[in-house]
Each structure stands twice: as structure tokens, then as C-alpha cells.
């Protein structure tokens, strides 16, 4: 329940009183398990990351090609792409920077590994060019996802996070795709399979 509340309203906005009221228990009961709100936030943040890892693992089990997989993963993490100051990522970064740094480090490892697997599979499927350097592309992809989150480069009033992520995946695929891969990308774009809404 705390996870859903944090995702809906943000880590800073939700109080221990709010959680206790929603669960119908006393604050004392919560504090028996979590001495501070920071410990609860840390647990929830890592649980959210674990949930994302599991959903990515489920997507990888589906019969999707490498390009479809990228867009399917994007749909799964859409909730973290909110632009509002209530977004979990914004509040975690602003109010709990140490937890944010730890979660980001773990997420970075996950993204790099996942992208390497995706690119390798795309090469094997004939969708990505076989001569590309997989590790280089994975690092470039990861650094690019950090750059598109930087509001000094992409101000929120000009770009929504969801739109930026959509544009970035399209840019990534166009940079490494074969003719066959580009045809699949165009089909996805024309059929609105990549929609952020």
C-alpha cells in the first residue's frame, strides 16, 4: 500500500500519518517495522526497482523482436516518466539523494546489461547492424538516458519526459538498425504501438 501511495503522490508528499490512515493501523505499528520514514522510502524504492526488473524479465519471455521489446519496456516504466514535482523519481532525487544515488547505481547496471542483451539479440535477428560495438552502444544508450533526464538540457516546459524517452528510443534504433529493423520501427510508429499515452 505504501508503494502505491508513493508512486501516486511522491515520496515527499506522503506522510507516515497518511500511510497509517490508509492501512487502518497506528503510526506506532509502522515505526515498529521502520524506525524512520527514510528507511521505509529506501525499502519501497528498491522494491519498485525490483518490480521493474521482474516486469522486464517477463517482457523478455514474450515472443517479441528486439525493437518491439524496447518499446514494451518503455510502456512498463511509464509511471516514472511523469513530469510533475510529485513524480517518484523527482522527489526521490530531491529529498532522498543518497537513496536516489544507490537506486540509480543499481538501475545503471540493470540498464547496461539489458541493453547489451537487447542489442545482441537484435544483431542475431538481423534488425541491428552486425558490425556495431555492443558495449559501446550500451554505454552510449545509458549515458543518453541520463542526458534526456537533465532539465538544463531538455527543459520540462519544452519536452515531457515521456516524449523524450519516445524520441530517444527512436533515435537509438535508427542509429543501429538494418533496413529490416527500420521497416519494423516504421511499422511500429505507424501503428501507434509506441504511443506514450
N, C-alpha and C. Protein backbone atom coordinates (compact mmCIF):
# COMPACT_ATOMS: atom_id res chain seq x y z
N UNK A 1 0.82 -1.20 0.00
CA UNK A 1 0.00 0.00 0.00
C UNK A 1 0.87 1.27 0.00
N UNK A 2 1.93 1.28 0.81
CA UNK A 2 2.83 2.44 0.84
C UNK A 2 3.44 2.67 -0.54
N UNK A 3 3.79 1.58 -1.22
CA UNK A 3 4.39 1.69 -2.56
C UNK A 3 3.43 2.42 -3.50
N UNK A 4 2.17 1.99 -3.52
CA UNK A 4 1.18 2.61 -4.40
C UNK A 4 1.02 4.09 -4.08
N UNK A 5 1.00 4.42 -2.79
CA UNK A 5 0.85 5.82 -2.38
C UNK A 5 2.05 6.65 -2.81
N UNK A 6 3.25 6.12 -2.62
CA UNK A 6 4.45 6.85 -3.03
C UNK A 6 4.47 7.05 -4.54
N UNK A 7 4.07 6.02 -5.29
CA UNK A 7 4.05 6.14 -6.75
C UNK A 7 3.02 7.16 -7.21
N UNK A 8 1.89 7.22 -6.52
CA UNK A 8 0.82 8.14 -6.90
C UNK A 8 1.13 9.58 -6.52
N UNK A 9 1.62 9.79 -5.30
CA UNK A 9 1.77 11.15 -4.78
C UNK A 9 3.22 11.60 -4.58
N UNK A 10 4.17 10.68 -4.67
CA UNK A 10 5.58 11.04 -4.49
C UNK A 10 6.07 10.72 -3.09
N UNK A 11 7.37 10.56 -2.97
CA UNK A 11 7.97 10.15 -1.70
C UNK A 11 7.88 11.22 -0.63
N UNK A 12 7.99 12.47 -1.00
CA UNK A 12 7.95 13.57 -0.02
C UNK A 12 6.52 13.86 0.41
N UNK A 13 5.59 13.79 -0.54
CA UNK A 13 4.22 14.18 -0.28
C UNK A 13 3.50 13.27 0.71
N UNK A 14 3.80 11.99 0.67
CA UNK A 14 3.11 11.02 1.53
C UNK A 14 3.76 11.00 2.92
N UNK A 15 2.95 11.14 3.95
CA UNK A 15 3.47 11.11 5.33
C UNK A 15 3.21 9.75 5.96
N UNK A 16 3.87 9.51 7.08
CA UNK A 16 3.62 8.26 7.82
C UNK A 16 2.18 8.24 8.32
N UNK A 17 1.62 9.41 8.66
CA UNK A 17 0.21 9.50 9.06
C UNK A 17 -0.71 9.05 7.93
N UNK A 18 -0.39 9.50 6.70
CA UNK A 18 -1.18 9.11 5.52
C UNK A 18 -1.19 7.59 5.36
N UNK A 19 0.00 6.99 5.48
CA UNK A 19 0.13 5.54 5.31
C UNK A 19 -0.64 4.80 6.40
N UNK A 20 -0.48 5.23 7.64
CA UNK A 20 -1.17 4.59 8.76
C UNK A 20 -2.68 4.67 8.57
N UNK A 21 -3.16 5.86 8.15
CA UNK A 21 -4.60 6.03 7.95
C UNK A 21 -5.12 5.12 6.84
N UNK A 22 -4.39 5.08 5.74
CA UNK A 22 -4.80 4.26 4.59
C UNK A 22 -4.82 2.77 4.94
N UNK A 23 -3.84 2.34 5.75
CA UNK A 23 -3.76 0.93 6.15
C UNK A 23 -4.69 0.60 7.33
N UNK A 24 -5.19 1.65 7.97
CA UNK A 24 -6.06 1.43 9.14
C UNK A 24 -5.29 0.90 10.35
N UNK A 25 -4.05 1.35 10.47
CA UNK A 25 -3.22 0.94 11.61
C UNK A 25 -2.62 2.19 12.26
N UNK A 26 -1.99 1.98 13.40
CA UNK A 26 -1.38 3.13 14.07
C UNK A 26 0.01 3.40 13.48
N UNK A 27 0.44 4.66 13.64
CA UNK A 27 1.79 5.02 13.20
C UNK A 27 2.82 4.20 13.97
N UNK A 28 2.49 3.88 15.20
CA UNK A 28 3.39 3.10 16.07
C UNK A 28 3.70 1.74 15.43
N UNK A 29 2.69 1.15 14.81
CA UNK A 29 2.88 -0.15 14.14
C UNK A 29 3.86 -0.02 12.98
N UNK A 30 3.74 1.06 12.23
CA UNK A 30 4.67 1.28 11.11
C UNK A 30 6.09 1.46 11.65
N UNK A 31 6.20 2.29 12.69
CA UNK A 31 7.53 2.56 13.25
C UNK A 31 8.15 1.33 13.91
N UNK A 32 7.33 0.34 14.24
CA UNK A 32 7.87 -0.92 14.78
C UNK A 32 8.66 -1.66 13.70
N UNK A 33 8.28 -1.45 12.44
CA UNK A 33 8.96 -2.09 11.31
C UNK A 33 9.99 -1.18 10.64
N UNK A 34 9.72 0.11 10.66
CA UNK A 34 10.60 1.09 10.04
C UNK A 34 10.83 2.23 11.03
N UNK A 35 12.02 2.32 11.56
CA UNK A 35 12.33 3.32 12.58
C UNK A 35 12.17 4.75 12.06
N UNK A 36 12.36 4.94 10.75
CA UNK A 36 12.22 6.26 10.15
C UNK A 36 11.53 6.15 8.80
N UNK A 37 10.99 7.27 8.34
CA UNK A 37 10.38 7.30 7.02
C UNK A 37 11.45 7.02 5.95
N UNK A 38 12.67 7.50 6.19
CA UNK A 38 13.77 7.29 5.22
C UNK A 38 14.00 5.80 4.98
N UNK A 39 13.95 4.99 6.05
CA UNK A 39 14.13 3.54 5.88
C UNK A 39 12.99 2.93 5.06
N UNK A 40 11.78 3.43 5.29
CA UNK A 40 10.63 2.95 4.51
C UNK A 40 10.79 3.36 3.05
N UNK A 41 11.17 4.61 2.81
CA UNK A 41 11.39 5.09 1.44
C UNK A 41 12.44 4.24 0.73
N UNK A 42 13.53 3.94 1.43
CA UNK A 42 14.60 3.12 0.85
C UNK A 42 14.07 1.75 0.46
N UNK A 43 13.32 1.12 1.35
CA UNK A 43 12.77 -0.20 1.08
C UNK A 43 11.82 -0.16 -0.12
N UNK A 44 10.95 0.85 -0.14
CA UNK A 44 9.99 0.99 -1.24
C UNK A 44 10.71 1.25 -2.56
N UNK A 45 11.71 2.14 -2.54
CA UNK A 45 12.44 2.47 -3.77
C UNK A 45 13.09 1.23 -4.38
N UNK A 46 13.71 0.41 -3.55
CA UNK A 46 14.35 -0.82 -4.07
C UNK A 46 13.31 -1.85 -4.48
N UNK A 47 12.16 -1.87 -3.79
CA UNK A 47 11.08 -2.78 -4.20
C UNK A 47 10.52 -2.39 -5.56
N UNK A 48 10.42 -1.09 -5.80
CA UNK A 48 9.95 -0.61 -7.11
C UNK A 48 10.93 -1.03 -8.20
N UNK A 49 12.22 -0.86 -7.91
CA UNK A 49 13.25 -1.27 -8.88
C UNK A 49 13.17 -2.77 -9.16
N UNK A 50 12.94 -3.55 -8.11
CA UNK A 50 12.81 -5.00 -8.26
C UNK A 50 11.58 -5.35 -9.09
N UNK A 51 10.49 -4.61 -8.88
CA UNK A 51 9.27 -4.83 -9.67
C UNK A 51 9.53 -4.54 -11.14
N UNK A 52 10.26 -3.46 -11.41
CA UNK A 52 10.60 -3.12 -12.80
C UNK A 52 11.46 -4.23 -13.41
N UNK A 53 12.45 -4.73 -12.63
CA UNK A 53 13.31 -5.83 -13.11
C UNK A 53 12.46 -7.04 -13.48
N UNK A 54 11.50 -7.37 -12.62
CA UNK A 54 10.63 -8.53 -12.88
C UNK A 54 9.78 -8.32 -14.13
N UNK A 55 9.25 -7.09 -14.29
CA UNK A 55 8.42 -6.86 -15.47
C UNK A 55 9.25 -6.89 -16.75
N UNK A 56 10.51 -6.43 -16.68
CA UNK A 56 11.40 -6.52 -17.84
C UNK A 56 11.70 -7.99 -18.15
N UNK A 57 11.91 -8.79 -17.10
CA UNK A 57 12.15 -10.22 -17.29
C UNK A 57 10.95 -10.89 -17.96
N UNK A 58 9.74 -10.48 -17.58
CA UNK A 58 8.53 -11.03 -18.20
C UNK A 58 8.43 -10.62 -19.66
N UNK A 59 8.79 -9.37 -19.96
CA UNK A 59 8.77 -8.89 -21.35
C UNK A 59 9.75 -9.71 -22.18
N UNK A 60 10.92 -10.01 -21.62
CA UNK A 60 11.94 -10.78 -22.35
C UNK A 60 11.46 -12.20 -22.66
N UNK A 61 10.51 -12.71 -21.90
CA UNK A 61 9.97 -14.05 -22.14
C UNK A 61 8.97 -14.06 -23.30
N UNK A 62 8.44 -12.88 -23.63
CA UNK A 62 7.45 -12.79 -24.70
C UNK A 62 8.12 -13.01 -26.05
N UNK A 63 7.31 -13.32 -27.03
CA UNK A 63 7.83 -13.55 -28.38
C UNK A 63 7.90 -12.23 -29.14
N UNK A 64 8.79 -11.33 -28.67
CA UNK A 64 8.95 -10.03 -29.29
C UNK A 64 10.33 -9.94 -29.93
N UNK A 65 10.44 -9.15 -30.99
CA UNK A 65 11.77 -8.91 -31.52
C UNK A 65 12.43 -7.82 -30.67
N UNK A 66 13.69 -7.56 -30.91
CA UNK A 66 14.46 -6.63 -30.07
C UNK A 66 13.88 -5.21 -30.08
N UNK A 67 13.35 -4.78 -31.21
CA UNK A 67 12.80 -3.42 -31.30
C UNK A 67 11.47 -3.33 -30.55
N UNK A 68 10.61 -4.31 -30.75
CA UNK A 68 9.34 -4.34 -30.01
C UNK A 68 9.60 -4.36 -28.51
N UNK A 69 10.61 -5.12 -28.10
CA UNK A 69 10.96 -5.24 -26.68
C UNK A 69 11.32 -3.87 -26.09
N UNK A 70 12.10 -3.07 -26.80
CA UNK A 70 12.48 -1.74 -26.31
C UNK A 70 11.25 -0.89 -26.01
N UNK A 71 10.29 -0.90 -26.93
CA UNK A 71 9.09 -0.08 -26.74
C UNK A 71 8.17 -0.66 -25.66
N UNK A 72 8.17 -1.96 -25.53
CA UNK A 72 7.35 -2.59 -24.48
C UNK A 72 7.91 -2.24 -23.10
N UNK A 73 9.23 -2.25 -22.96
CA UNK A 73 9.86 -1.87 -21.69
C UNK A 73 9.51 -0.42 -21.37
N UNK A 74 9.53 0.44 -22.38
CA UNK A 74 9.20 1.86 -22.18
C UNK A 74 7.79 2.00 -21.62
N UNK A 75 6.85 1.21 -22.13
CA UNK A 75 5.48 1.28 -21.62
C UNK A 75 5.42 0.89 -20.14
N UNK A 76 6.21 -0.10 -19.77
CA UNK A 76 6.20 -0.59 -18.38
C UNK A 76 6.70 0.46 -17.39
N UNK A 77 7.66 1.27 -17.80
CA UNK A 77 8.23 2.22 -16.85
C UNK A 77 7.61 3.62 -16.99
N UNK A 78 6.52 3.70 -17.71
CA UNK A 78 5.86 4.97 -18.00
C UNK A 78 5.54 5.77 -16.73
N UNK A 79 5.18 5.10 -15.64
CA UNK A 79 4.79 5.80 -14.42
C UNK A 79 5.93 6.66 -13.86
N UNK A 80 7.16 6.29 -14.15
CA UNK A 80 8.31 7.05 -13.65
C UNK A 80 8.65 8.22 -14.56
N UNK A 81 7.94 8.37 -15.64
CA UNK A 81 8.24 9.43 -16.60
C UNK A 81 7.37 10.66 -16.40
N UNK A 82 6.60 10.68 -15.30
CA UNK A 82 5.76 11.84 -15.02
C UNK A 82 6.63 13.08 -14.90
N UNK A 83 6.09 14.21 -15.32
CA UNK A 83 6.83 15.46 -15.26
C UNK A 83 6.60 16.23 -13.96
N UNK A 84 5.51 15.92 -13.28
CA UNK A 84 5.14 16.69 -12.10
C UNK A 84 6.17 16.58 -10.98
N UNK A 85 6.13 17.55 -10.11
CA UNK A 85 7.01 17.54 -8.94
C UNK A 85 6.61 16.44 -7.96
N UNK A 86 5.48 15.77 -8.22
CA UNK A 86 5.07 14.64 -7.39
C UNK A 86 5.64 13.33 -7.92
N UNK A 87 6.32 13.37 -9.08
CA UNK A 87 6.82 12.12 -9.64
C UNK A 87 7.79 11.47 -8.66
N UNK A 88 7.71 10.14 -8.53
CA UNK A 88 8.58 9.44 -7.58
C UNK A 88 10.06 9.74 -7.82
N UNK A 89 10.47 9.76 -9.07
CA UNK A 89 11.88 9.99 -9.38
C UNK A 89 12.32 11.39 -8.95
N UNK A 90 11.51 12.40 -9.27
CA UNK A 90 11.84 13.78 -8.91
C UNK A 90 11.99 13.92 -7.39
N UNK A 91 11.01 13.40 -6.65
CA UNK A 91 11.06 13.55 -5.20
C UNK A 91 12.16 12.72 -4.56
N UNK A 92 12.42 11.54 -5.09
CA UNK A 92 13.50 10.72 -4.56
C UNK A 92 14.83 11.45 -4.75
N UNK A 93 15.04 12.00 -5.94
CA UNK A 93 16.30 12.70 -6.23
C UNK A 93 16.46 13.95 -5.36
N UNK A 94 15.37 14.70 -5.18
CA UNK A 94 15.44 15.97 -4.45
C UNK A 94 15.52 15.78 -2.93
N UNK A 95 14.71 14.89 -2.39
CA UNK A 95 14.57 14.79 -0.93
C UNK A 95 15.33 13.63 -0.29
N UNK A 96 15.69 12.64 -1.11
CA UNK A 96 16.42 11.47 -0.59
C UNK A 96 17.59 11.17 -1.53
N UNK A 97 18.54 12.10 -1.67
CA UNK A 97 19.61 11.96 -2.67
C UNK A 97 20.49 10.72 -2.50
N UNK A 98 20.74 10.29 -1.27
CA UNK A 98 21.58 9.10 -1.07
C UNK A 98 20.86 7.85 -1.57
N UNK A 99 19.59 7.74 -1.24
CA UNK A 99 18.80 6.59 -1.73
C UNK A 99 18.73 6.65 -3.25
N UNK A 100 18.49 7.84 -3.79
CA UNK A 100 18.41 8.01 -5.23
C UNK A 100 19.71 7.55 -5.90
N UNK A 101 20.85 7.94 -5.32
CA UNK A 101 22.16 7.55 -5.88
C UNK A 101 22.33 6.03 -5.87
N UNK A 102 21.93 5.38 -4.77
CA UNK A 102 22.05 3.92 -4.68
C UNK A 102 21.13 3.21 -5.66
N UNK A 103 19.90 3.69 -5.77
CA UNK A 103 18.95 3.10 -6.72
C UNK A 103 19.45 3.32 -8.15
N UNK A 104 19.96 4.51 -8.43
CA UNK A 104 20.46 4.84 -9.77
C UNK A 104 21.63 3.95 -10.15
N UNK A 105 22.52 3.71 -9.19
CA UNK A 105 23.67 2.84 -9.45
C UNK A 105 23.20 1.42 -9.81
N UNK A 106 22.27 0.90 -9.04
CA UNK A 106 21.76 -0.45 -9.31
C UNK A 106 21.02 -0.48 -10.64
N UNK A 107 20.24 0.58 -10.90
CA UNK A 107 19.48 0.67 -12.15
C UNK A 107 20.43 0.75 -13.34
N UNK A 108 21.55 1.46 -13.18
CA UNK A 108 22.53 1.59 -14.27
C UNK A 108 23.05 0.23 -14.70
N UNK A 109 23.38 -0.61 -13.71
CA UNK A 109 23.85 -1.96 -14.02
C UNK A 109 22.78 -2.75 -14.76
N UNK A 110 21.55 -2.62 -14.30
CA UNK A 110 20.43 -3.32 -14.92
C UNK A 110 20.24 -2.87 -16.36
N UNK A 111 20.26 -1.54 -16.59
CA UNK A 111 20.05 -1.00 -17.94
C UNK A 111 21.16 -1.44 -18.88
N UNK A 112 22.42 -1.33 -18.43
CA UNK A 112 23.54 -1.71 -19.29
C UNK A 112 23.45 -3.17 -19.71
N UNK A 113 23.18 -4.04 -18.76
CA UNK A 113 23.06 -5.48 -19.05
C UNK A 113 21.89 -5.74 -19.99
N UNK A 114 20.75 -5.11 -19.71
CA UNK A 114 19.55 -5.31 -20.51
C UNK A 114 19.75 -4.81 -21.94
N UNK A 115 20.39 -3.66 -22.12
CA UNK A 115 20.62 -3.12 -23.46
C UNK A 115 21.62 -3.97 -24.23
N UNK A 116 22.66 -4.44 -23.55
CA UNK A 116 23.62 -5.33 -24.22
C UNK A 116 22.90 -6.57 -24.75
N UNK A 117 22.04 -7.16 -23.92
CA UNK A 117 21.28 -8.35 -24.35
C UNK A 117 20.37 -8.00 -25.53
N UNK A 118 19.70 -6.84 -25.44
CA UNK A 118 18.77 -6.43 -26.48
C UNK A 118 19.50 -6.21 -27.80
N UNK A 119 20.62 -5.50 -27.76
CA UNK A 119 21.38 -5.21 -28.99
C UNK A 119 21.92 -6.50 -29.60
N UNK A 120 22.45 -7.37 -28.76
CA UNK A 120 22.98 -8.66 -29.24
C UNK A 120 21.87 -9.46 -29.93
N UNK A 121 20.70 -9.49 -29.30
CA UNK A 121 19.58 -10.22 -29.90
C UNK A 121 19.15 -9.57 -31.20
N UNK A 122 19.12 -8.22 -31.22
CA UNK A 122 18.76 -7.51 -32.45
C UNK A 122 19.71 -7.81 -33.59
N UNK A 123 21.01 -7.94 -33.27
CA UNK A 123 22.00 -8.31 -34.29
C UNK A 123 21.70 -9.71 -34.81
N UNK A 124 21.46 -10.63 -33.88
CA UNK A 124 21.16 -12.03 -34.27
C UNK A 124 19.88 -12.14 -35.08
N UNK A 125 18.93 -11.23 -34.83
CA UNK A 125 17.66 -11.23 -35.58
C UNK A 125 17.78 -10.50 -36.92
N UNK A 126 18.94 -9.91 -37.16
CA UNK A 126 19.14 -9.16 -38.40
C UNK A 126 18.49 -7.78 -38.38
N UNK A 127 18.14 -7.28 -37.18
CA UNK A 127 17.47 -5.98 -37.07
C UNK A 127 18.47 -4.86 -36.78
N UNK A 128 19.61 -5.22 -36.18
CA UNK A 128 20.66 -4.25 -35.89
C UNK A 128 21.92 -4.67 -36.65
N UNK A 129 22.70 -3.68 -37.06
CA UNK A 129 23.89 -3.95 -37.87
C UNK A 129 24.91 -4.79 -37.10
N UNK A 130 25.45 -5.81 -37.76
CA UNK A 130 26.33 -6.76 -37.08
C UNK A 130 27.70 -6.18 -36.73
N UNK A 131 28.10 -5.09 -37.38
CA UNK A 131 29.44 -4.54 -37.13
C UNK A 131 29.49 -3.58 -35.93
N UNK A 132 28.35 -3.30 -35.31
CA UNK A 132 28.38 -2.34 -34.19
C UNK A 132 29.03 -2.95 -32.95
N UNK A 133 29.61 -2.09 -32.13
CA UNK A 133 30.26 -2.49 -30.88
C UNK A 133 29.18 -2.47 -29.79
N UNK A 134 28.78 -3.64 -29.34
CA UNK A 134 27.66 -3.79 -28.41
C UNK A 134 27.88 -3.03 -27.10
N UNK A 135 29.07 -3.17 -26.51
CA UNK A 135 29.36 -2.49 -25.24
C UNK A 135 29.33 -0.97 -25.41
N UNK A 136 29.87 -0.50 -26.51
CA UNK A 136 29.86 0.94 -26.79
C UNK A 136 28.42 1.45 -26.89
N UNK A 137 27.59 0.74 -27.64
CA UNK A 137 26.18 1.14 -27.82
C UNK A 137 25.45 1.13 -26.48
N UNK A 138 25.69 0.10 -25.66
CA UNK A 138 25.03 0.01 -24.35
C UNK A 138 25.42 1.19 -23.46
N UNK A 139 26.71 1.54 -23.46
CA UNK A 139 27.17 2.69 -22.65
C UNK A 139 26.57 3.99 -23.19
N UNK A 140 26.57 4.14 -24.50
CA UNK A 140 26.01 5.34 -25.13
C UNK A 140 24.52 5.46 -24.80
N UNK A 141 23.80 4.35 -24.88
CA UNK A 141 22.37 4.35 -24.57
C UNK A 141 22.16 4.80 -23.13
N UNK A 142 22.93 4.21 -22.22
CA UNK A 142 22.77 4.53 -20.80
C UNK A 142 23.07 6.00 -20.53
N UNK A 143 24.16 6.51 -21.08
CA UNK A 143 24.51 7.93 -20.87
C UNK A 143 23.46 8.84 -21.50
N UNK A 144 22.92 8.42 -22.62
CA UNK A 144 21.86 9.20 -23.27
C UNK A 144 20.61 9.28 -22.43
N UNK A 145 20.25 8.18 -21.76
CA UNK A 145 19.06 8.21 -20.90
C UNK A 145 19.29 9.15 -19.72
N UNK A 146 20.53 9.26 -19.25
CA UNK A 146 20.83 10.24 -18.19
C UNK A 146 20.69 11.67 -18.74
N UNK A 147 21.18 11.88 -19.96
CA UNK A 147 21.14 13.22 -20.56
C UNK A 147 19.71 13.70 -20.79
N UNK A 148 18.82 12.81 -21.23
CA UNK A 148 17.45 13.27 -21.50
C UNK A 148 16.68 13.58 -20.22
N UNK A 149 17.19 13.14 -19.07
CA UNK A 149 16.57 13.48 -17.79
C UNK A 149 17.08 14.82 -17.25
N UNK A 150 18.10 15.37 -17.89
CA UNK A 150 18.70 16.62 -17.42
C UNK A 150 17.88 17.81 -17.92
N UNK A 151 17.19 18.47 -16.99
CA UNK A 151 16.30 19.57 -17.38
C UNK A 151 17.05 20.82 -17.84
N UNK A 152 18.36 20.88 -17.57
CA UNK A 152 19.12 22.03 -18.09
C UNK A 152 19.36 21.86 -19.59
N UNK A 153 19.33 20.62 -20.06
CA UNK A 153 19.49 20.34 -21.49
C UNK A 153 18.13 20.30 -22.18
N UNK A 154 17.17 19.62 -21.53
CA UNK A 154 15.82 19.47 -22.07
C UNK A 154 14.81 20.01 -21.04
N UNK A 155 14.56 21.33 -21.07
CA UNK A 155 13.65 21.92 -20.09
C UNK A 155 12.25 21.30 -20.15
N UNK A 156 11.68 21.09 -18.96
CA UNK A 156 10.37 20.44 -18.84
C UNK A 156 9.28 21.18 -19.61
N UNK A 157 9.41 22.51 -19.72
CA UNK A 157 8.37 23.27 -20.43
C UNK A 157 8.42 23.02 -21.94
N UNK A 158 9.53 22.50 -22.43
CA UNK A 158 9.66 22.21 -23.86
C UNK A 158 9.46 20.74 -24.21
N UNK A 159 9.79 19.85 -23.24
CA UNK A 159 9.73 18.41 -23.52
C UNK A 159 9.15 17.67 -22.32
N UNK A 160 8.19 16.80 -22.58
CA UNK A 160 7.73 15.92 -21.50
C UNK A 160 8.72 14.75 -21.43
N UNK A 161 8.86 14.17 -20.26
CA UNK A 161 9.78 13.04 -20.11
C UNK A 161 9.34 11.86 -20.97
N UNK A 162 8.05 11.63 -21.04
CA UNK A 162 7.53 10.53 -21.86
C UNK A 162 7.88 10.73 -23.34
N UNK A 163 7.72 11.98 -23.83
CA UNK A 163 8.05 12.27 -25.22
C UNK A 163 9.55 12.13 -25.47
N UNK A 164 10.36 12.60 -24.52
CA UNK A 164 11.81 12.49 -24.67
C UNK A 164 12.25 11.04 -24.77
N UNK A 165 11.67 10.20 -23.92
CA UNK A 165 12.04 8.79 -23.92
C UNK A 165 11.64 8.14 -25.24
N UNK A 166 10.46 8.51 -25.74
CA UNK A 166 9.98 8.01 -27.03
C UNK A 166 10.95 8.42 -28.14
N UNK A 167 11.30 9.70 -28.17
CA UNK A 167 12.22 10.21 -29.19
C UNK A 167 13.59 9.54 -29.08
N UNK A 168 14.03 9.32 -27.85
CA UNK A 168 15.35 8.74 -27.65
C UNK A 168 15.42 7.29 -28.13
N UNK A 169 14.39 6.51 -27.84
CA UNK A 169 14.39 5.11 -28.30
C UNK A 169 14.37 5.08 -29.83
N UNK A 170 13.57 5.95 -30.43
CA UNK A 170 13.52 6.00 -31.89
C UNK A 170 14.89 6.38 -32.46
N UNK A 171 15.54 7.36 -31.85
CA UNK A 171 16.89 7.79 -32.26
C UNK A 171 17.88 6.63 -32.14
N UNK A 172 17.81 5.92 -31.00
CA UNK A 172 18.70 4.77 -30.75
C UNK A 172 18.53 3.71 -31.83
N UNK A 173 17.31 3.34 -32.10
CA UNK A 173 17.04 2.28 -33.08
C UNK A 173 17.49 2.72 -34.48
N UNK A 174 17.18 3.95 -34.87
CA UNK A 174 17.57 4.42 -36.20
C UNK A 174 19.09 4.42 -36.37
N UNK A 175 19.82 4.64 -35.29
CA UNK A 175 21.28 4.68 -35.36
C UNK A 175 21.93 3.33 -35.56
N UNK A 176 21.25 2.25 -35.17
CA UNK A 176 21.89 0.93 -35.25
C UNK A 176 21.14 -0.08 -36.11
N UNK A 177 19.98 0.31 -36.62
CA UNK A 177 19.13 -0.63 -37.34
C UNK A 177 19.60 -0.94 -38.75
N UNK A 178 19.26 -2.15 -39.18
CA UNK A 178 19.42 -2.54 -40.58
C UNK A 178 18.17 -2.06 -41.32
N UNK A 179 18.13 -2.29 -42.62
CA UNK A 179 16.95 -1.93 -43.40
C UNK A 179 15.71 -2.65 -42.83
N UNK A 180 15.89 -3.93 -42.51
CA UNK A 180 14.78 -4.72 -41.94
C UNK A 180 14.34 -4.13 -40.60
N UNK A 181 15.30 -3.71 -39.77
CA UNK A 181 14.98 -3.10 -38.48
C UNK A 181 14.22 -1.80 -38.64
N UNK A 182 14.64 -0.99 -39.62
CA UNK A 182 13.96 0.28 -39.88
C UNK A 182 12.53 0.06 -40.34
N UNK A 183 12.31 -0.99 -41.11
CA UNK A 183 10.95 -1.30 -41.57
C UNK A 183 10.06 -1.65 -40.37
N UNK A 184 10.60 -2.43 -39.44
CA UNK A 184 9.85 -2.80 -38.23
C UNK A 184 9.56 -1.56 -37.40
N UNK A 185 10.56 -0.69 -37.26
CA UNK A 185 10.38 0.55 -36.50
C UNK A 185 9.27 1.38 -37.13
N UNK A 186 9.32 1.56 -38.45
CA UNK A 186 8.29 2.36 -39.14
C UNK A 186 6.90 1.76 -38.94
N UNK A 187 6.80 0.44 -39.02
CA UNK A 187 5.51 -0.23 -38.78
C UNK A 187 5.00 0.08 -37.37
N UNK A 188 5.88 -0.02 -36.39
CA UNK A 188 5.50 0.27 -35.01
C UNK A 188 5.04 1.72 -34.87
N UNK A 189 5.80 2.65 -35.45
CA UNK A 189 5.44 4.06 -35.36
C UNK A 189 4.12 4.35 -36.07
N UNK A 190 3.92 3.74 -37.22
CA UNK A 190 2.68 3.96 -37.99
C UNK A 190 1.45 3.34 -37.33
N UNK A 191 1.68 2.28 -36.56
CA UNK A 191 0.56 1.61 -35.89
C UNK A 191 0.37 2.08 -34.45
N UNK A 192 1.07 3.15 -34.10
CA UNK A 192 0.98 3.73 -32.77
C UNK A 192 1.30 2.75 -31.65
N UNK A 193 2.09 1.73 -31.93
CA UNK A 193 2.49 0.77 -30.90
C UNK A 193 3.44 1.40 -29.89
N UNK A 194 4.00 2.54 -30.27
CA UNK A 194 5.00 3.17 -29.41
C UNK A 194 4.40 4.30 -28.58
N UNK A 195 3.10 4.49 -28.69
CA UNK A 195 2.44 5.61 -28.02
C UNK A 195 2.77 5.66 -26.54
N UNK A 196 2.96 6.88 -26.02
CA UNK A 196 3.26 7.06 -24.59
C UNK A 196 1.98 7.24 -23.78
N UNK A 197 0.85 7.28 -24.44
CA UNK A 197 -0.39 7.54 -23.70
C UNK A 197 -1.24 6.29 -23.60
